PDB file of all heavy atoms in Angstrom:
ATOM      1  N   ALA A   1    -131.031 -95.366 -20.276  1.00  0.00           N
ATOM      2  CA  ALA A   1    -130.286 -96.586 -20.566  1.00  0.00           C
ATOM      3  C   ALA A   1    -130.029 -96.725 -22.064  1.00  0.00           C
ATOM      4  O   ALA A   1    -128.934 -97.151 -22.485  1.00  0.00           O
ATOM      5  CB  ALA A   1    -131.061 -97.804 -20.042  1.00  0.00           C
ATOM      6  N   ALA A   2    -131.012 -96.377 -22.881  1.00  0.00           N
ATOM      7  CA  ALA A   2    -130.840 -96.469 -24.326  1.00  0.00           C
ATOM      8  C   ALA A   2    -129.706 -95.567 -24.793  1.00  0.00           C
ATOM      9  O   ALA A   2    -128.882 -95.964 -25.633  1.00  0.00           O
ATOM     10  CB  ALA A   2    -132.144 -96.091 -25.030  1.00  0.00           C
ATOM     11  N   PHE A   3    -129.630 -94.374 -24.239  1.00  0.00           N
ATOM     12  CA  PHE A   3    -128.557 -93.470 -24.649  1.00  0.00           C
ATOM     13  C   PHE A   3    -127.211 -93.952 -24.096  1.00  0.00           C
ATOM     14  O   PHE A   3    -126.175 -93.797 -24.753  1.00  0.00           O
ATOM     15  CB  PHE A   3    -128.854 -92.042 -24.182  1.00  0.00           C
ATOM     16  CG  PHE A   3    -128.135 -90.996 -24.986  1.00  0.00           C
ATOM     17  CD1 PHE A   3    -128.583 -90.646 -26.247  1.00  0.00           C
ATOM     18  CD2 PHE A   3    -126.989 -90.377 -24.498  1.00  0.00           C
ATOM     19  CE1 PHE A   3    -127.907 -89.698 -27.009  1.00  0.00           C
ATOM     20  CE2 PHE A   3    -126.317 -89.434 -25.244  1.00  0.00           C
ATOM     21  CZ  PHE A   3    -126.780 -89.098 -26.503  1.00  0.00           C
ATOM     22  N   HIS A   4    -127.233 -94.552 -22.931  1.00  0.00           N
ATOM     23  CA  HIS A   4    -125.997 -95.077 -22.352  1.00  0.00           C
ATOM     24  C   HIS A   4    -125.420 -96.193 -23.220  1.00  0.00           C
ATOM     25  O   HIS A   4    -124.212 -96.211 -23.507  1.00  0.00           O
ATOM     26  CB  HIS A   4    -126.281 -95.593 -20.946  1.00  0.00           C
ATOM     27  CG  HIS A   4    -125.127 -96.313 -20.311  1.00  0.00           C
ATOM     28  ND1 HIS A   4    -123.964 -95.673 -19.926  1.00  0.00           N
ATOM     29  CD2 HIS A   4    -124.950 -97.633 -19.986  1.00  0.00           C
ATOM     30  CE1 HIS A   4    -123.124 -96.556 -19.397  1.00  0.00           C
ATOM     31  NE2 HIS A   4    -123.696 -97.746 -19.425  1.00  0.00           N
ATOM     32  N   TYR A   5    -126.259 -97.114 -23.647  1.00  0.00           N
ATOM     33  CA  TYR A   5    -125.760 -98.280 -24.381  1.00  0.00           C
ATOM     34  C   TYR A   5    -125.674 -98.050 -25.892  1.00  0.00           C
ATOM     35  O   TYR A   5    -124.791 -98.606 -26.560  1.00  0.00           O
ATOM     36  CB  TYR A   5    -126.661 -99.483 -24.113  1.00  0.00           C
ATOM     37  CG  TYR A   5    -126.495-100.044 -22.718  1.00  0.00           C
ATOM     38  CD1 TYR A   5    -127.483 -99.855 -21.748  1.00  0.00           C
ATOM     39  CD2 TYR A   5    -125.344-100.742 -22.350  1.00  0.00           C
ATOM     40  CE1 TYR A   5    -127.338-100.360 -20.467  1.00  0.00           C
ATOM     41  CE2 TYR A   5    -125.183-101.246 -21.067  1.00  0.00           C
ATOM     42  CZ  TYR A   5    -126.188-101.063 -20.131  1.00  0.00           C
ATOM     43  OH  TYR A   5    -126.033-101.556 -18.860  1.00  0.00           O
ATOM     44  N   TRP A   6    -126.577 -97.267 -26.440  1.00  0.00           N
ATOM     45  CA  TRP A   6    -126.627 -97.115 -27.895  1.00  0.00           C
ATOM     46  C   TRP A   6    -126.145 -95.753 -28.385  1.00  0.00           C
ATOM     47  O   TRP A   6    -125.944 -95.566 -29.583  1.00  0.00           O
ATOM     48  CB  TRP A   6    -128.057 -97.344 -28.391  1.00  0.00           C
ATOM     49  CG  TRP A   6    -128.560 -98.740 -28.167  1.00  0.00           C
ATOM     50  CD1 TRP A   6    -127.824 -99.890 -28.160  1.00  0.00           C
ATOM     51  CD2 TRP A   6    -129.924 -99.130 -27.921  1.00  0.00           C
ATOM     52  NE1 TRP A   6    -128.636-100.970 -27.943  1.00  0.00           N
ATOM     53  CE2 TRP A   6    -129.936-100.538 -27.785  1.00  0.00           C
ATOM     54  CE3 TRP A   6    -131.127 -98.437 -27.815  1.00  0.00           C
ATOM     55  CZ2 TRP A   6    -131.106-101.261 -27.539  1.00  0.00           C
ATOM     56  CZ3 TRP A   6    -132.298 -99.146 -27.570  1.00  0.00           C
ATOM     57  CH2 TRP A   6    -132.282-100.551 -27.442  1.00  0.00           C
ATOM     58  N   GLY A   7    -125.998 -94.790 -27.496  1.00  0.00           N
ATOM     59  CA  GLY A   7    -125.584 -93.455 -27.922  1.00  0.00           C
ATOM     60  C   GLY A   7    -126.597 -92.840 -28.871  1.00  0.00           C
ATOM     61  O   GLY A   7    -127.805 -93.070 -28.763  1.00  0.00           O
ATOM     62  N   GLU A   8    -126.105 -92.087 -29.831  1.00  0.00           N
ATOM     63  CA  GLU A   8    -127.004 -91.401 -30.767  1.00  0.00           C
ATOM     64  C   GLU A   8    -127.809 -92.378 -31.615  1.00  0.00           C
ATOM     65  O   GLU A   8    -128.869 -92.029 -32.155  1.00  0.00           O
ATOM     66  CB  GLU A   8    -126.209 -90.471 -31.679  1.00  0.00           C
ATOM     67  CG  GLU A   8    -125.237 -91.194 -32.598  1.00  0.00           C
ATOM     68  CD  GLU A   8    -124.353 -90.250 -33.368  1.00  0.00           C
ATOM     69  OE1 GLU A   8    -123.457 -89.656 -32.765  1.00  0.00           O
ATOM     70  OE2 GLU A   8    -124.599 -90.090 -34.582  1.00  0.00           O
ATOM     71  N   ALA A   9    -127.345 -93.620 -31.739  1.00  0.00           N
ATOM     72  CA  ALA A   9    -128.091 -94.625 -32.494  1.00  0.00           C
ATOM     73  C   ALA A   9    -129.421 -94.964 -31.831  1.00  0.00           C
ATOM     74  O   ALA A   9    -130.282 -95.599 -32.445  1.00  0.00           O
ATOM     75  CB  ALA A   9    -127.247 -95.888 -32.654  1.00  0.00           C
ATOM     76  N   ALA A  10    -129.599 -94.544 -30.571  1.00  0.00           N
ATOM     77  CA  ALA A  10    -130.870 -94.779 -29.886  1.00  0.00           C
ATOM     78  C   ALA A  10    -131.987 -93.918 -30.458  1.00  0.00           C
ATOM     79  O   ALA A  10    -133.167 -94.306 -30.413  1.00  0.00           O
ATOM     80  CB  ALA A  10    -130.725 -94.499 -28.395  1.00  0.00           C
ATOM     81  N   LEU A  11    -131.647 -92.758 -31.006  1.00  0.00           N
ATOM     82  CA  LEU A  11    -132.670 -91.783 -31.376  1.00  0.00           C
ATOM     83  C   LEU A  11    -133.692 -92.325 -32.377  1.00  0.00           C
ATOM     84  O   LEU A  11    -134.906 -92.171 -32.161  1.00  0.00           O
ATOM     85  CB  LEU A  11    -132.014 -90.501 -31.894  1.00  0.00           C
ATOM     86  CG  LEU A  11    -131.150 -89.761 -30.860  1.00  0.00           C
ATOM     87  CD1 LEU A  11    -130.454 -88.565 -31.494  1.00  0.00           C
ATOM     88  CD2 LEU A  11    -131.993 -89.308 -29.677  1.00  0.00           C
ATOM     89  N   PRO A  12    -133.279 -92.954 -33.485  1.00  0.00           N
ATOM     90  CA  PRO A  12    -134.289 -93.469 -34.422  1.00  0.00           C
ATOM     91  C   PRO A  12    -135.124 -94.611 -33.852  1.00  0.00           C
ATOM     92  O   PRO A  12    -136.164 -94.952 -34.426  1.00  0.00           O
ATOM     93  CB  PRO A  12    -133.442 -93.962 -35.608  1.00  0.00           C
ATOM     94  CG  PRO A  12    -132.115 -93.303 -35.459  1.00  0.00           C
ATOM     95  CD  PRO A  12    -131.920 -93.146 -33.995  1.00  0.00           C
ATOM     96  N   ARG A  13    -134.703 -95.188 -32.743  1.00  0.00           N
ATOM     97  CA  ARG A  13    -135.434 -96.309 -32.160  1.00  0.00           C
ATOM     98  C   ARG A  13    -136.514 -95.839 -31.188  1.00  0.00           C
ATOM     99  O   ARG A  13    -137.324 -96.645 -30.720  1.00  0.00           O
ATOM    100  CB  ARG A  13    -134.458 -97.239 -31.428  1.00  0.00           C
ATOM    101  CG  ARG A  13    -133.356 -97.739 -32.340  1.00  0.00           C
ATOM    102  CD  ARG A  13    -132.215 -98.390 -31.580  1.00  0.00           C
ATOM    103  NE  ARG A  13    -132.427 -99.823 -31.369  1.00  0.00           N
ATOM    104  CZ  ARG A  13    -131.437-100.689 -31.165  1.00  0.00           C
ATOM    105  NH1 ARG A  13    -130.179-100.282 -31.158  1.00  0.00           N
ATOM    106  NH2 ARG A  13    -131.705-101.960 -30.975  1.00  0.00           N
ATOM    107  N   LEU A  14    -136.517 -94.547 -30.875  1.00  0.00           N
ATOM    108  CA  LEU A  14    -137.475 -93.998 -29.916  1.00  0.00           C
ATOM    109  C   LEU A  14    -138.777 -93.654 -30.631  1.00  0.00           C
ATOM    110  O   LEU A  14    -138.811 -92.745 -31.459  1.00  0.00           O
ATOM    111  CB  LEU A  14    -136.910 -92.752 -29.239  1.00  0.00           C
ATOM    112  CG  LEU A  14    -135.560 -92.909 -28.532  1.00  0.00           C
ATOM    113  CD1 LEU A  14    -135.098 -91.570 -27.978  1.00  0.00           C
ATOM    114  CD2 LEU A  14    -135.634 -93.954 -27.420  1.00  0.00           C
ATOM    115  N   ARG A  15    -139.836 -94.362 -30.309  1.00  0.00           N
ATOM    116  CA  ARG A  15    -141.140 -94.097 -30.914  1.00  0.00           C
ATOM    117  C   ARG A  15    -141.921 -93.199 -29.963  1.00  0.00           C
ATOM    118  O   ARG A  15    -142.479 -93.653 -28.965  1.00  0.00           O
ATOM    119  CB  ARG A  15    -141.883 -95.411 -31.153  1.00  0.00           C
ATOM    120  CG  ARG A  15    -143.165 -95.261 -31.951  1.00  0.00           C
ATOM    121  CD  ARG A  15    -143.799 -96.613 -32.270  1.00  0.00           C
ATOM    122  NE  ARG A  15    -144.910 -96.473 -33.178  1.00  0.00           N
ATOM    123  CZ  ARG A  15    -145.615 -97.500 -33.655  1.00  0.00           C
ATOM    124  NH1 ARG A  15    -145.307 -98.745 -33.282  1.00  0.00           N
ATOM    125  NH2 ARG A  15    -146.619 -97.300 -34.481  1.00  0.00           N
ATOM    126  N   GLY A  16    -141.915 -91.919 -30.271  1.00  0.00           N
ATOM    127  CA  GLY A  16    -142.602 -91.018 -29.370  1.00  0.00           C
ATOM    128  C   GLY A  16    -142.263 -89.571 -29.619  1.00  0.00           C
ATOM    129  O   GLY A  16    -141.810 -89.188 -30.704  1.00  0.00           O
ATOM    130  N   MET A  17    -142.494 -88.751 -28.605  1.00  0.00           N
ATOM    131  CA  MET A  17    -142.190 -87.321 -28.664  1.00  0.00           C
ATOM    132  C   MET A  17    -141.243 -87.032 -27.512  1.00  0.00           C
ATOM    133  O   MET A  17    -141.434 -87.520 -26.395  1.00  0.00           O
ATOM    134  CB  MET A  17    -143.465 -86.489 -28.544  1.00  0.00           C
ATOM    135  CG  MET A  17    -144.324 -86.794 -27.336  1.00  0.00           C
ATOM    136  SD  MET A  17    -145.855 -85.826 -27.339  1.00  0.00           S
ATOM    137  CE  MET A  17    -146.590 -86.348 -25.790  1.00  0.00           C
ATOM    138  N   PHE A  18    -140.215 -86.241 -27.793  1.00  0.00           N
ATOM    139  CA  PHE A  18    -139.248 -86.034 -26.725  1.00  0.00           C
ATOM    140  C   PHE A  18    -138.356 -84.831 -26.966  1.00  0.00           C
ATOM    141  O   PHE A  18    -138.103 -84.415 -28.102  1.00  0.00           O
ATOM    142  CB  PHE A  18    -138.359 -87.276 -26.557  1.00  0.00           C
ATOM    143  CG  PHE A  18    -137.605 -87.681 -27.804  1.00  0.00           C
ATOM    144  CD1 PHE A  18    -136.396 -87.103 -28.144  1.00  0.00           C
ATOM    145  CD2 PHE A  18    -138.118 -88.658 -28.641  1.00  0.00           C
ATOM    146  CE1 PHE A  18    -135.711 -87.483 -29.292  1.00  0.00           C
ATOM    147  CE2 PHE A  18    -137.450 -89.052 -29.794  1.00  0.00           C
ATOM    148  CZ  PHE A  18    -136.233 -88.459 -30.115  1.00  0.00           C
ATOM    149  N   ALA A  19    -137.906 -84.286 -25.867  1.00  0.00           N
ATOM    150  CA  ALA A  19    -136.759 -83.381 -25.811  1.00  0.00           C
ATOM    151  C   ALA A  19    -136.040 -83.771 -24.529  1.00  0.00           C
ATOM    152  O   ALA A  19    -136.667 -83.855 -23.473  1.00  0.00           O
ATOM    153  CB  ALA A  19    -137.198 -81.926 -25.781  1.00  0.00           C
ATOM    154  N   PHE A  20    -134.764 -84.059 -24.613  1.00  0.00           N
ATOM    155  CA  PHE A  20    -134.054 -84.480 -23.410  1.00  0.00           C
ATOM    156  C   PHE A  20    -132.657 -83.879 -23.373  1.00  0.00           C
ATOM    157  O   PHE A  20    -132.094 -83.473 -24.396  1.00  0.00           O
ATOM    158  CB  PHE A  20    -133.989 -86.012 -23.298  1.00  0.00           C
ATOM    159  CG  PHE A  20    -133.070 -86.688 -24.291  1.00  0.00           C
ATOM    160  CD1 PHE A  20    -131.706 -86.822 -24.052  1.00  0.00           C
ATOM    161  CD2 PHE A  20    -133.588 -87.239 -25.455  1.00  0.00           C
ATOM    162  CE1 PHE A  20    -130.868 -87.459 -24.952  1.00  0.00           C
ATOM    163  CE2 PHE A  20    -132.760 -87.877 -26.366  1.00  0.00           C
ATOM    164  CZ  PHE A  20    -131.389 -87.989 -26.114  1.00  0.00           C
ATOM    165  N   VAL A  21    -132.119 -83.822 -22.155  1.00  0.00           N
ATOM    166  CA  VAL A  21    -130.747 -83.377 -21.916  1.00  0.00           C
ATOM    167  C   VAL A  21    -130.071 -84.448 -21.077  1.00  0.00           C
ATOM    168  O   VAL A  21    -130.605 -84.859 -20.039  1.00  0.00           O
ATOM    169  CB  VAL A  21    -130.706 -82.028 -21.173  1.00  0.00           C
ATOM    170  CG1 VAL A  21    -129.255 -81.580 -20.980  1.00  0.00           C
ATOM    171  CG2 VAL A  21    -131.505 -80.970 -21.926  1.00  0.00           C
ATOM    172  N   ALA A  22    -128.911 -84.907 -21.526  1.00  0.00           N
ATOM    173  CA  ALA A  22    -128.150 -85.941 -20.815  1.00  0.00           C
ATOM    174  C   ALA A  22    -126.736 -85.427 -20.569  1.00  0.00           C
ATOM    175  O   ALA A  22    -126.049 -85.018 -21.518  1.00  0.00           O
ATOM    176  CB  ALA A  22    -128.113 -87.233 -21.635  1.00  0.00           C
ATOM    177  N   TYR A  23    -126.314 -85.437 -19.315  1.00  0.00           N
ATOM    178  CA  TYR A  23    -124.981 -84.963 -18.951  1.00  0.00           C
ATOM    179  C   TYR A  23    -124.101 -86.155 -18.612  1.00  0.00           C
ATOM    180  O   TYR A  23    -124.411 -86.960 -17.729  1.00  0.00           O
ATOM    181  CB  TYR A  23    -125.070 -84.011 -17.766  1.00  0.00           C
ATOM    182  CG  TYR A  23    -123.737 -83.436 -17.343  1.00  0.00           C
ATOM    183  CD1 TYR A  23    -122.870 -82.868 -18.272  1.00  0.00           C
ATOM    184  CD2 TYR A  23    -123.355 -83.449 -15.999  1.00  0.00           C
ATOM    185  CE1 TYR A  23    -121.646 -82.325 -17.883  1.00  0.00           C
ATOM    186  CE2 TYR A  23    -122.140 -82.896 -15.600  1.00  0.00           C
ATOM    187  CZ  TYR A  23    -121.289 -82.351 -16.549  1.00  0.00           C
ATOM    188  OH  TYR A  23    -120.077 -81.823 -16.168  1.00  0.00           O
ATOM    189  N   ASP A  24    -123.002 -86.259 -19.346  1.00  0.00           N
ATOM    190  CA  ASP A  24    -122.020 -87.322 -19.131  1.00  0.00           C
ATOM    191  C   ASP A  24    -120.979 -86.805 -18.144  1.00  0.00           C
ATOM    192  O   ASP A  24    -120.123 -85.980 -18.494  1.00  0.00           O
ATOM    193  CB  ASP A  24    -121.375 -87.689 -20.471  1.00  0.00           C
ATOM    194  CG  ASP A  24    -120.424 -88.871 -20.361  1.00  0.00           C
ATOM    195  OD1 ASP A  24    -120.045 -89.233 -19.224  1.00  0.00           O
ATOM    196  OD2 ASP A  24    -120.044 -89.419 -21.421  1.00  0.00           O
ATOM    197  N   HIS A  25    -121.021 -87.287 -16.915  1.00  0.00           N
ATOM    198  CA  HIS A  25    -120.111 -86.798 -15.879  1.00  0.00           C
ATOM    199  C   HIS A  25    -118.667 -87.196 -16.149  1.00  0.00           C
ATOM    200  O   HIS A  25    -117.743 -86.504 -15.711  1.00  0.00           O
ATOM    201  CB  HIS A  25    -120.560 -87.319 -14.511  1.00  0.00           C
ATOM    202  CG  HIS A  25    -121.868 -86.775 -14.057  1.00  0.00           C
ATOM    203  ND1 HIS A  25    -122.000 -85.608 -13.353  1.00  0.00           N
ATOM    204  CD2 HIS A  25    -123.139 -87.235 -14.237  1.00  0.00           C
ATOM    205  CE1 HIS A  25    -123.274 -85.375 -13.095  1.00  0.00           C
ATOM    206  NE2 HIS A  25    -123.997 -86.350 -13.626  1.00  0.00           N
ATOM    207  N   ARG A  26    -118.433 -88.269 -16.855  1.00  0.00           N
ATOM    208  CA  ARG A  26    -117.062 -88.710 -17.117  1.00  0.00           C
ATOM    209  C   ARG A  26    -116.326 -87.750 -18.039  1.00  0.00           C
ATOM    210  O   ARG A  26    -115.138 -87.503 -17.873  1.00  0.00           O
ATOM    211  CB  ARG A  26    -117.070 -90.102 -17.747  1.00  0.00           C
ATOM    212  CG  ARG A  26    -117.504 -91.214 -16.813  1.00  0.00           C
ATOM    213  CD  ARG A  26    -117.357 -92.566 -17.501  1.00  0.00           C
ATOM    214  NE  ARG A  26    -117.965 -93.633 -16.716  1.00  0.00           N
ATOM    215  CZ  ARG A  26    -118.084 -94.885 -17.141  1.00  0.00           C
ATOM    216  NH1 ARG A  26    -117.622 -95.221 -18.351  1.00  0.00           N
ATOM    217  NH2 ARG A  26    -118.652 -95.797 -16.376  1.00  0.00           N
ATOM    218  N   THR A  27    -117.043 -87.234 -19.027  1.00  0.00           N
ATOM    219  CA  THR A  27    -116.397 -86.383 -20.032  1.00  0.00           C
ATOM    220  C   THR A  27    -116.831 -84.921 -19.932  1.00  0.00           C
ATOM    221  O   THR A  27    -116.398 -84.107 -20.745  1.00  0.00           O
ATOM    222  CB  THR A  27    -116.725 -86.895 -21.439  1.00  0.00           C
ATOM    223  OG1 THR A  27    -118.146 -86.821 -21.649  1.00  0.00           O
ATOM    224  CG2 THR A  27    -116.264 -88.338 -21.618  1.00  0.00           C
ATOM    225  N   ALA A  28    -117.700 -84.590 -18.953  1.00  0.00           N
ATOM    226  CA  ALA A  28    -118.244 -83.234 -18.803  1.00  0.00           C
ATOM    227  C   ALA A  28    -118.875 -82.759 -20.116  1.00  0.00           C
ATOM    228  O   ALA A  28    -118.692 -81.623 -20.538  1.00  0.00           O
ATOM    229  CB  ALA A  28    -117.159 -82.259 -18.348  1.00  0.00           C
ATOM    230  N   THR A  29    -119.617 -83.659 -20.753  1.00  0.00           N
ATOM    231  CA  THR A  29    -120.234 -83.369 -22.046  1.00  0.00           C
ATOM    232  C   THR A  29    -121.747 -83.404 -21.931  1.00  0.00           C
ATOM    233  O   THR A  29    -122.315 -84.308 -21.303  1.00  0.00           O
ATOM    234  CB  THR A  29    -119.783 -84.394 -23.106  1.00  0.00           C
ATOM    235  OG1 THR A  29    -118.362 -84.365 -23.205  1.00  0.00           O
ATOM    236  CG2 THR A  29    -120.390 -84.082 -24.455  1.00  0.00           C
ATOM    237  N   VAL A  30    -122.394 -82.409 -22.540  1.00  0.00           N
ATOM    238  CA  VAL A  30    -123.854 -82.358 -22.606  1.00  0.00           C
ATOM    239  C   VAL A  30    -124.305 -82.925 -23.946  1.00  0.00           C
ATOM    240  O   VAL A  30    -123.785 -82.544 -25.001  1.00  0.00           O
ATOM    241  CB  VAL A  30    -124.372 -80.916 -22.458  1.00  0.00           C
ATOM    242  CG1 VAL A  30    -125.893 -80.866 -22.657  1.00  0.00           C
ATOM    243  CG2 VAL A  30    -123.990 -80.347 -21.102  1.00  0.00           C
ATOM    244  N   HIS A  31    -125.269 -83.831 -23.898  1.00  0.00           N
ATOM    245  CA  HIS A  31    -125.939 -84.327 -25.096  1.00  0.00           C
ATOM    246  C   HIS A  31    -127.416 -83.950 -24.967  1.00  0.00           C
ATOM    247  O   HIS A  31    -128.009 -84.094 -23.889  1.00  0.00           O
ATOM    248  CB  HIS A  31    -125.812 -85.843 -25.211  1.00  0.00           C
ATOM    249  CG  HIS A  31    -124.402 -86.337 -25.307  1.00  0.00           C
ATOM    250  ND1 HIS A  31    -123.766 -86.556 -26.516  1.00  0.00           N
ATOM    251  CD2 HIS A  31    -123.497 -86.644 -24.343  1.00  0.00           C
ATOM    252  CE1 HIS A  31    -122.536 -86.988 -26.288  1.00  0.00           C
ATOM    253  NE2 HIS A  31    -122.343 -87.042 -24.976  1.00  0.00           N
ATOM    254  N   ALA A  32    -127.991 -83.482 -26.042  1.00  0.00           N
ATOM    255  CA  ALA A  32    -129.420 -83.142 -26.028  1.00  0.00           C
ATOM    256  C   ALA A  32    -130.005 -83.470 -27.395  1.00  0.00           C
ATOM    257  O   ALA A  32    -129.289 -83.496 -28.400  1.00  0.00           O
ATOM    258  CB  ALA A  32    -129.636 -81.668 -25.695  1.00  0.00           C
ATOM    259  N   ALA A  33    -131.301 -83.711 -27.437  1.00  0.00           N
ATOM    260  CA  ALA A  33    -131.949 -84.036 -28.711  1.00  0.00           C
ATOM    261  C   ALA A  33    -133.412 -83.665 -28.655  1.00  0.00           C
ATOM    262  O   ALA A  33    -134.025 -83.580 -27.580  1.00  0.00           O
ATOM    263  CB  ALA A  33    -131.791 -85.519 -29.038  1.00  0.00           C
TER     264      ALA A  33
END
């Protein structure tokens, strides 16, 4: 939800450890961080 609403601006707000992959079906675009 954070990536859906905030996009890349969500990343600095995440307090933790992570690696994720998000696929946007509308644009056929992969986002990962």
